[in-house]
Amino acid sequence: MKIIQNMNERVRKLNIFDIKLVQGCAMFVVLIIVKLIPQIMTINIWWFVVLLVLCAIRPLYVFYFKK
């Protein structure tokens, strides 16, 4: 658990600009993967929608409902 606490302390040092830069890096990594493996984009769009919803459940819960 010490590793998680250490990472939490490091993340707290980031401001909104840093977080947005990390999100941009993640998008570029995904674009590189899609360019290297174009067969990924032949997957039905509904798989992407399902993955989007699954990934969004916890952040939305924490943001709107957790007290």
PDB file of N, CA and C in Angstrom:
ATOM      1  N   MET A   1       0.816  -1.198   0.000  1.00  0.00           N
ATOM      2  CA  MET A   1       0.000   0.000   0.000  1.00  0.00           C
ATOM      3  C   MET A   1       0.858   1.260   0.000  1.00  0.00           C
ATOM      4  N   LYS A   2       2.107   1.118   0.401  1.00  0.00           N
ATOM      5  CA  LYS A   2       2.994   2.274   0.418  1.00  0.00           C
ATOM      6  C   LYS A   2       3.178   2.841  -0.983  1.00  0.00           C
ATOM      7  N   ILE A   3       3.186   1.968  -1.989  1.00  0.00           N
ATOM      8  CA  ILE A   3       3.345   2.421  -3.370  1.00  0.00           C
ATOM      9  C   ILE A   3       2.160   3.294  -3.774  1.00  0.00           C
ATOM     10  N   ILE A   4       0.955   2.857  -3.434  1.00  0.00           N
ATOM     11  CA  ILE A   4      -0.246   3.624  -3.795  1.00  0.00           C
ATOM     12  C   ILE A   4      -0.253   4.974  -3.089  1.00  0.00           C
ATOM     13  N   GLN A   5       0.113   4.996  -1.812  1.00  0.00           N
ATOM     14  CA  GLN A   5       0.168   6.263  -1.084  1.00  0.00           C
ATOM     15  C   GLN A   5       1.197   7.205  -1.693  1.00  0.00           C
ATOM     16  N   ASN A   6       2.333   6.655  -2.093  1.00  0.00           N
ATOM     17  CA  ASN A   6       3.377   7.457  -2.725  1.00  0.00           C
ATOM     18  C   ASN A   6       2.872   8.046  -4.041  1.00  0.00           C
ATOM     19  N   MET A   7       2.196   7.226  -4.842  1.00  0.00           N
ATOM     20  CA  MET A   7       1.667   7.719  -6.115  1.00  0.00           C
ATOM     21  C   MET A   7       0.584   8.773  -5.891  1.00  0.00           C
ATOM     22  N   ASN A   8      -0.252   8.589  -4.875  1.00  0.00           N
ATOM     23  CA  ASN A   8      -1.281   9.587  -4.566  1.00  0.00           C
ATOM     24  C   ASN A   8      -0.654  10.935  -4.199  1.00  0.00           C
ATOM     25  N   GLU A   9       0.416  10.897  -3.428  1.00  0.00           N
ATOM     26  CA  GLU A   9       1.099  12.140  -3.074  1.00  0.00           C
ATOM     27  C   GLU A   9       1.681  12.827  -4.307  1.00  0.00           C
ATOM     28  N   ARG A  10       2.215  12.049  -5.222  1.00  0.00           N
ATOM     29  CA  ARG A  10       2.771  12.627  -6.445  1.00  0.00           C
ATOM     30  C   ARG A  10       1.688  13.227  -7.330  1.00  0.00           C
ATOM     31  N   VAL A  11       0.541  12.549  -7.423  1.00  0.00           N
ATOM     32  CA  VAL A  11      -0.549  13.044  -8.260  1.00  0.00           C
ATOM     33  C   VAL A  11      -1.097  14.350  -7.707  1.00  0.00           C
ATOM     34  N   ARG A  12      -1.115  14.497  -6.388  1.00  0.00           N
ATOM     35  CA  ARG A  12      -1.626  15.732  -5.783  1.00  0.00           C
ATOM     36  C   ARG A  12      -0.806  16.958  -6.168  1.00  0.00           C
ATOM     37  N   LYS A  13       0.429  16.751  -6.591  1.00  0.00           N
ATOM     38  CA  LYS A  13       1.286  17.868  -7.007  1.00  0.00           C
ATOM     39  C   LYS A  13       0.910  18.409  -8.383  1.00  0.00           C
ATOM     40  N   LEU A  14       0.165  17.617  -9.165  1.00  0.00           N
ATOM     41  CA  LEU A  14      -0.189  18.035 -10.522  1.00  0.00           C
ATOM     42  C   LEU A  14      -1.320  19.058 -10.489  1.00  0.00           C
ATOM     43  N   ASN A  15      -1.250  20.021 -11.394  1.00  0.00           N
ATOM     44  CA  ASN A  15      -2.372  20.947 -11.536  1.00  0.00           C
ATOM     45  C   ASN A  15      -3.180  20.530 -12.764  1.00  0.00           C
ATOM     46  N   ILE A  16      -4.222  21.262 -13.077  1.00  0.00           N
ATOM     47  CA  ILE A  16      -5.135  20.880 -14.162  1.00  0.00           C
ATOM     48  C   ILE A  16      -4.420  20.858 -15.504  1.00  0.00           C
ATOM     49  N   PHE A  17      -3.490  21.760 -15.714  1.00  0.00           N
ATOM     50  CA  PHE A  17      -2.747  21.798 -16.978  1.00  0.00           C
ATOM     51  C   PHE A  17      -1.925  20.513 -17.157  1.00  0.00           C
ATOM     52  N   ASP A  18      -1.283  20.060 -16.079  1.00  0.00           N
ATOM     53  CA  ASP A  18      -0.504  18.829 -16.145  1.00  0.00           C
ATOM     54  C   ASP A  18      -1.391  17.620 -16.450  1.00  0.00           C
ATOM     55  N   ILE A  19      -2.548  17.566 -15.834  1.00  0.00           N
ATOM     56  CA  ILE A  19      -3.469  16.450 -16.053  1.00  0.00           C
ATOM     57  C   ILE A  19      -3.946  16.438 -17.502  1.00  0.00           C
ATOM     58  N   LYS A  20      -4.254  17.608 -18.057  1.00  0.00           N
ATOM     59  CA  LYS A  20      -4.691  17.679 -19.451  1.00  0.00           C
ATOM     60  C   LYS A  20      -3.562  17.271 -20.405  1.00  0.00           C
ATOM     61  N   LEU A  21      -2.326  17.607 -20.061  1.00  0.00           N
ATOM     62  CA  LEU A  21      -1.195  17.166 -20.881  1.00  0.00           C
ATOM     63  C   LEU A  21      -1.067  15.642 -20.862  1.00  0.00           C
ATOM     64  N   VAL A  22      -1.286  15.040 -19.717  1.00  0.00           N
ATOM     65  CA  VAL A  22      -1.245  13.577 -19.622  1.00  0.00           C
ATOM     66  C   VAL A  22      -2.366  12.960 -20.460  1.00  0.00           C
ATOM     67  N   GLN A  23      -3.548  13.557 -20.436  1.00  0.00           N
ATOM     68  CA  GLN A  23      -4.645  13.062 -21.256  1.00  0.00           C
ATOM     69  C   GLN A  23      -4.306  13.165 -22.740  1.00  0.00           C
ATOM     70  N   GLY A  24      -3.672  14.264 -23.131  1.00  0.00           N
ATOM     71  CA  GLY A  24      -3.248  14.411 -24.521  1.00  0.00           C
ATOM     72  C   GLY A  24      -2.234  13.353 -24.912  1.00  0.00           C
ATOM     73  N   CYS A  25      -1.293  13.059 -24.017  1.00  0.00           N
ATOM     74  CA  CYS A  25      -0.311  11.992 -24.288  1.00  0.00           C
ATOM     75  C   CYS A  25      -1.006  10.652 -24.480  1.00  0.00           C
ATOM     76  N   ALA A  26      -1.998  10.376 -23.658  1.00  0.00           N
ATOM     77  CA  ALA A  26      -2.738   9.114 -23.787  1.00  0.00           C
ATOM     78  C   ALA A  26      -3.453   9.038 -25.128  1.00  0.00           C
ATOM     79  N   MET A  27      -4.030  10.145 -25.582  1.00  0.00           N
ATOM     80  CA  MET A  27      -4.689  10.154 -26.886  1.00  0.00           C
ATOM     81  C   MET A  27      -3.697   9.889 -28.006  1.00  0.00           C
ATOM     82  N   PHE A  28      -2.504  10.476 -27.908  1.00  0.00           N
ATOM     83  CA  PHE A  28      -1.506  10.260 -28.946  1.00  0.00           C
ATOM     84  C   PHE A  28      -0.991   8.823 -28.944  1.00  0.00           C
ATOM     85  N   VAL A  29      -0.886   8.212 -27.773  1.00  0.00           N
ATOM     86  CA  VAL A  29      -0.498   6.798 -27.714  1.00  0.00           C
ATOM     87  C   VAL A  29      -1.544   5.940 -28.414  1.00  0.00           C
ATOM     88  N   VAL A  30      -2.807   6.232 -28.180  1.00  0.00           N
ATOM     89  CA  VAL A  30      -3.881   5.485 -28.840  1.00  0.00           C
ATOM     90  C   VAL A  30      -3.817   5.694 -30.351  1.00  0.00           C
ATOM     91  N   LEU A  31      -3.582   6.912 -30.802  1.00  0.00           N
ATOM     92  CA  LEU A  31      -3.472   7.162 -32.241  1.00  0.00           C
ATOM     93  C   LEU A  31      -2.313   6.388 -32.863  1.00  0.00           C
ATOM     94  N   ILE A  32      -1.197   6.312 -32.152  1.00  0.00           N
ATOM     95  CA  ILE A  32      -0.052   5.555 -32.658  1.00  0.00           C
ATOM     96  C   ILE A  32      -0.407   4.075 -32.771  1.00  0.00           C
ATOM     97  N   ILE A  33      -1.084   3.544 -31.758  1.00  0.00           N
ATOM     98  CA  ILE A  33      -1.482   2.135 -31.797  1.00  0.00           C
ATOM     99  C   ILE A  33      -2.425   1.865 -32.960  1.00  0.00           C
ATOM    100  N   VAL A  34      -3.381   2.770 -33.188  1.00  0.00           N
ATOM    101  CA  VAL A  34      -4.326   2.590 -34.293  1.00  0.00           C
ATOM    102  C   VAL A  34      -3.607   2.668 -35.639  1.00  0.00           C
ATOM    103  N   LYS A  35      -2.615   3.536 -35.751  1.00  0.00           N
ATOM    104  CA  LYS A  35      -1.858   3.614 -37.007  1.00  0.00           C
ATOM    105  C   LYS A  35      -1.028   2.347 -37.230  1.00  0.00           C
ATOM    106  N   LEU A  36      -0.505   1.764 -36.157  1.00  0.00           N
ATOM    107  CA  LEU A  36       0.298   0.562 -36.286  1.00  0.00           C
ATOM    108  C   LEU A  36      -0.554  -0.691 -36.512  1.00  0.00           C
ATOM    109  N   ILE A  37      -1.750  -0.717 -35.911  1.00  0.00           N
ATOM    110  CA  ILE A  37      -2.655  -1.867 -36.035  1.00  0.00           C
ATOM    111  C   ILE A  37      -4.018  -1.366 -36.528  1.00  0.00           C
ATOM    112  N   PRO A  38      -4.167  -1.095 -37.821  1.00  0.00           N
ATOM    113  CA  PRO A  38      -5.428  -0.509 -38.313  1.00  0.00           C
ATOM    114  C   PRO A  38      -6.629  -1.459 -38.219  1.00  0.00           C
ATOM    115  N   GLN A  39      -6.396  -2.749 -37.991  1.00  0.00           N
ATOM    116  CA  GLN A  39      -7.516  -3.683 -37.878  1.00  0.00           C
ATOM    117  C   GLN A  39      -8.376  -3.393 -36.646  1.00  0.00           C
ATOM    118  N   ILE A  40      -7.804  -2.666 -35.684  1.00  0.00           N
ATOM    119  CA  ILE A  40      -8.569  -2.311 -34.485  1.00  0.00           C
ATOM    120  C   ILE A  40      -9.811  -1.515 -34.859  1.00  0.00           C
ATOM    121  N   MET A  41      -9.709  -0.688 -35.881  1.00  0.00           N
ATOM    122  CA  MET A  41     -10.841   0.180 -36.230  1.00  0.00           C
ATOM    123  C   MET A  41     -11.928  -0.552 -36.996  1.00  0.00           C
ATOM    124  N   THR A  42     -11.714  -1.830 -37.321  1.00  0.00           N
ATOM    125  CA  THR A  42     -12.774  -2.593 -37.982  1.00  0.00           C
ATOM    126  C   THR A  42     -13.735  -3.204 -36.971  1.00  0.00           C
ATOM    127  N   ILE A  43     -13.459  -3.004 -35.667  1.00  0.00           N
ATOM    128  CA  ILE A  43     -14.347  -3.500 -34.614  1.00  0.00           C
ATOM    129  C   ILE A  43     -15.646  -2.702 -34.651  1.00  0.00           C
ATOM    130  N   ASN A  44     -16.734  -3.372 -34.377  1.00  0.00           N
ATOM    131  CA  ASN A  44     -18.041  -2.728 -34.345  1.00  0.00           C
ATOM    132  C   ASN A  44     -18.032  -1.577 -33.339  1.00  0.00           C
ATOM    133  N   ILE A  45     -18.689  -0.487 -33.674  1.00  0.00           N
ATOM    134  CA  ILE A  45     -18.701   0.731 -32.854  1.00  0.00           C
ATOM    135  C   ILE A  45     -19.298   0.486 -31.477  1.00  0.00           C
ATOM    136  N   TRP A  46     -20.203  -0.476 -31.355  1.00  0.00           N
ATOM    137  CA  TRP A  46     -20.868  -0.720 -30.077  1.00  0.00           C
ATOM    138  C   TRP A  46     -19.907  -1.260 -29.027  1.00  0.00           C
ATOM    139  N   TRP A  47     -18.832  -1.929 -29.443  1.00  0.00           N
ATOM    140  CA  TRP A  47     -17.821  -2.359 -28.472  1.00  0.00           C
ATOM    141  C   TRP A  47     -17.152  -1.146 -27.837  1.00  0.00           C
ATOM    142  N   PHE A  48     -16.889  -0.124 -28.636  1.00  0.00           N
ATOM    143  CA  PHE A  48     -16.294   1.100 -28.103  1.00  0.00           C
ATOM    144  C   PHE A  48     -17.261   1.812 -27.161  1.00  0.00           C
ATOM    145  N   VAL A  49     -18.533   1.796 -27.493  1.00  0.00           N
ATOM    146  CA  VAL A  49     -19.542   2.428 -26.638  1.00  0.00           C
ATOM    147  C   VAL A  49     -19.624   1.704 -25.298  1.00  0.00           C
ATOM    148  N   VAL A  50     -19.619   0.379 -25.331  1.00  0.00           N
ATOM    149  CA  VAL A  50     -19.676  -0.403 -24.092  1.00  0.00           C
ATOM    150  C   VAL A  50     -18.443  -0.130 -23.236  1.00  0.00           C
ATOM    151  N   LEU A  51     -17.268  -0.104 -23.846  1.00  0.00           N
ATOM    152  CA  LEU A  51     -16.036   0.186 -23.103  1.00  0.00           C
ATOM    153  C   LEU A  51     -16.057   1.598 -22.526  1.00  0.00           C
ATOM    154  N   LEU A  52     -16.579   2.549 -23.276  1.00  0.00           N
ATOM    155  CA  LEU A  52     -16.712   3.918 -22.790  1.00  0.00           C
ATOM    156  C   LEU A  52     -17.582   3.972 -21.542  1.00  0.00           C
ATOM    157  N   VAL A  53     -18.716   3.322 -21.578  1.00  0.00           N
ATOM    158  CA  VAL A  53     -19.633   3.332 -20.439  1.00  0.00           C
ATOM    159  C   VAL A  53     -18.989   2.649 -19.233  1.00  0.00           C
ATOM    160  N   LEU A  54     -18.342   1.511 -19.461  1.00  0.00           N
ATOM    161  CA  LEU A  54     -17.692   0.803 -18.363  1.00  0.00           C
ATOM    162  C   LEU A  54     -16.597   1.648 -17.705  1.00  0.00           C
ATOM    163  N   CYS A  55     -15.833   2.354 -18.517  1.00  0.00           N
ATOM    164  CA  CYS A  55     -14.755   3.187 -17.977  1.00  0.00           C
ATOM    165  C   CYS A  55     -15.283   4.451 -17.303  1.00  0.00           C
ATOM    166  N   ALA A  56     -16.470   4.891 -17.663  1.00  0.00           N
ATOM    167  CA  ALA A  56     -17.014   6.138 -17.126  1.00  0.00           C
ATOM    168  C   ALA A  56     -17.821   5.941 -15.849  1.00  0.00           C
ATOM    169  N   ILE A  57     -18.190   4.720 -15.535  1.00  0.00           N
ATOM    170  CA  ILE A  57     -19.074   4.491 -14.388  1.00  0.00           C
ATOM    171  C   ILE A  57     -18.461   5.000 -13.080  1.00  0.00           C
ATOM    172  N   ARG A  58     -17.270   4.568 -12.752  1.00  0.00           N
ATOM    173  CA  ARG A  58     -16.677   4.957 -11.460  1.00  0.00           C
ATOM    174  C   ARG A  58     -16.401   6.451 -11.362  1.00  0.00           C
ATOM    175  N   PRO A  59     -15.760   7.083 -12.373  1.00  0.00           N
ATOM    176  CA  PRO A  59     -15.548   8.530 -12.223  1.00  0.00           C
ATOM    177  C   PRO A  59     -16.847   9.320 -12.084  1.00  0.00           C
ATOM    178  N   LEU A  60     -17.867   8.928 -12.818  1.00  0.00           N
ATOM    179  CA  LEU A  60     -19.149   9.630 -12.697  1.00  0.00           C
ATOM    180  C   LEU A  60     -19.763   9.422 -11.322  1.00  0.00           C
ATOM    181  N   TYR A  61     -19.662   8.214 -10.803  1.00  0.00           N
ATOM    182  CA  TYR A  61     -20.186   7.946  -9.458  1.00  0.00           C
ATOM    183  C   TYR A  61     -19.457   8.788  -8.411  1.00  0.00           C
ATOM    184  N   VAL A  62     -18.138   8.796  -8.479  1.00  0.00           N
ATOM    185  CA  VAL A  62     -17.352   9.548  -7.497  1.00  0.00           C
ATOM    186  C   VAL A  62     -17.636  11.036  -7.611  1.00  0.00           C
ATOM    187  N   PHE A  63     -17.767  11.535  -8.836  1.00  0.00           N
ATOM    188  CA  PHE A  63     -17.957  12.976  -9.044  1.00  0.00           C
ATOM    189  C   PHE A  63     -19.334  13.438  -8.589  1.00  0.00           C
ATOM    190  N   TYR A  64     -20.376  12.661  -8.909  1.00  0.00           N
ATOM    191  CA  TYR A  64     -21.735  13.139  -8.648  1.00  0.00           C
ATOM    192  C   TYR A  64     -22.375  12.600  -7.374  1.00  0.00           C
ATOM    193  N   PHE A  65     -22.069  11.377  -6.976  1.00  0.00           N
ATOM    194  CA  PHE A  65     -22.846  10.757  -5.913  1.00  0.00           C
ATOM    195  C   PHE A  65     -22.085  10.491  -4.615  1.00  0.00           C
ATOM    196  N   LYS A  66     -20.797  10.358  -4.652  1.00  0.00           N
ATOM    197  CA  LYS A  66     -20.051  10.030  -3.437  1.00  0.00           C
ATOM    198  C   LYS A  66     -19.961  11.260  -2.545  1.00  0.00           C
ATOM    199  N   LYS A  67     -20.227  11.073  -1.287  1.00  0.00           N
ATOM    200  CA  LYS A  67     -20.230  12.202  -0.345  1.00  0.00           C
ATOM    201  C   LYS A  67     -18.932  12.266   0.395  1.00  0.00           C
TER     202      LYS A  67
END
